[in-house]
Amino acid sequence: MKLQKIADNALKAMVMSYHESERDRFDMDFFLSLFPEETEKHISDALMVLDHDGLVSVFIADAIAYITTLHPAAIRDCEERDISILRKSNL
């Protein structure tokens, strides 16, 4: 899977988890359960894309994303994107 697709899907999953349980920190096991066919390195690279975009903070240990923290701005951006998609589909 391409990095951007992993990044997008990971962000959606983190935001959904936040809404369900207010969880904002995620370890590699969370992402491996989402992407069982991907390597830790490939997932870590995708998470670093989100880090570079300012949506998450990634703590790297041994070249792997050990803990990823979801930023409030990422939650807001996802919510706004979902609202605009819903509005367009209702037109």
Protein backbone atom coordinates (compact mmCIF):
# COMPACT_ATOMS: atom_id res chain seq x y z
CA MET A 1 0.00 0.00 0.00
CA LYS A 2 1.22 3.52 -0.74
CA LEU A 3 2.49 5.71 2.11
CA GLN A 4 -0.21 8.36 1.67
CA LYS A 5 -2.99 5.76 1.75
CA ILE A 6 -1.58 4.25 4.95
CA ALA A 7 -1.24 7.74 6.44
CA ASP A 8 -4.84 8.67 5.54
CA ASN A 9 -6.29 5.41 6.86
CA ALA A 10 -4.20 5.59 10.04
CA LEU A 11 -5.37 9.15 10.69
CA LYS A 12 -9.02 8.18 10.20
CA ALA A 13 -8.61 5.22 12.57
CA MET A 14 -6.96 7.40 15.23
CA VAL A 15 -9.71 10.02 15.02
CA MET A 16 -12.42 7.35 15.23
CA SER A 17 -10.69 5.85 18.27
CA TYR A 18 -10.48 9.30 19.83
CA HIS A 19 -14.24 9.81 19.39
CA GLU A 20 -15.01 6.38 20.84
CA SER A 21 -12.70 6.47 23.87
CA GLU A 22 -10.83 9.81 23.91
CA ARG A 23 -7.64 7.88 23.20
CA ASP A 24 -4.95 10.10 21.69
CA ARG A 25 -1.81 7.94 21.96
CA PHE A 26 -1.22 4.90 19.80
CA ASP A 27 1.52 2.28 19.76
CA MET A 28 2.79 0.22 16.84
CA ASP A 29 0.49 -2.69 17.75
CA PHE A 30 -2.51 -0.47 16.96
CA PHE A 31 -1.20 0.20 13.46
CA LEU A 32 -0.08 -3.39 12.84
CA SER A 33 -3.64 -4.51 13.54
CA LEU A 34 -4.86 -2.05 10.88
CA PHE A 35 -2.20 -2.96 8.33
CA PRO A 36 -1.17 -6.58 8.96
CA GLU A 37 0.50 -6.90 5.54
CA GLU A 38 2.78 -3.87 6.08
CA THR A 39 6.15 -3.73 7.80
CA GLU A 40 6.80 -1.64 10.91
CA LYS A 41 9.23 0.48 8.85
CA HIS A 42 6.67 1.20 6.13
CA ILE A 43 3.99 2.11 8.69
CA SER A 44 6.50 4.28 10.55
CA ASP A 45 7.34 6.13 7.34
CA ALA A 46 3.63 6.78 6.74
CA LEU A 47 3.23 8.08 10.29
CA MET A 48 6.20 10.38 9.72
CA VAL A 49 4.26 11.90 6.79
CA LEU A 50 1.53 12.82 9.28
CA ASP A 51 4.17 14.12 11.70
CA HIS A 52 5.67 16.30 8.97
CA ASP A 53 2.17 17.65 8.22
CA GLY A 54 1.78 18.59 11.91
CA LEU A 55 -1.15 16.25 12.52
CA VAL A 56 0.61 13.90 14.95
CA SER A 57 3.82 13.66 16.94
CA VAL A 58 5.80 10.47 16.52
CA PHE A 59 8.29 9.20 19.09
CA ILE A 60 10.84 7.06 17.25
CA ALA A 61 12.74 4.25 18.97
CA ASP A 62 15.06 1.94 17.03
CA ALA A 63 13.86 3.54 13.74
CA ILE A 64 10.23 2.53 14.47
CA ALA A 65 7.28 4.72 15.46
CA TYR A 66 7.05 3.70 19.10
CA ILE A 67 4.26 6.07 20.19
CA THR A 68 2.14 8.34 17.99
CA THR A 69 0.19 11.19 19.59
CA LEU A 70 -2.82 12.61 17.78
CA HIS A 71 -3.00 16.42 17.74
CA PRO A 72 -6.32 18.26 18.25
CA ALA A 73 -5.83 20.00 14.88
CA ALA A 74 -5.92 16.60 13.16
CA ILE A 75 -9.23 15.79 14.83
CA ARG A 76 -10.67 19.11 13.72
CA ASP A 77 -9.40 18.68 10.15
CA CYS A 78 -10.95 15.22 9.87
CA GLU A 79 -14.24 16.44 11.28
CA GLU A 80 -14.33 19.36 8.83
CA ARG A 81 -13.47 17.10 5.91
CA ASP A 82 -16.24 14.67 6.85
CA ILE A 83 -18.75 17.51 7.20
CA SER A 84 -17.88 18.93 3.77
CA ILE A 85 -18.14 15.46 2.20
CA LEU A 86 -21.55 14.97 3.82
CA ARG A 87 -22.75 18.36 2.59
CA LYS A 88 -21.64 17.63 -0.98
CA SER A 89 -23.36 14.25 -0.97
CA ASN A 90 -26.64 15.82 0.20
CA LEU A 91 -26.72 18.34 -2.66
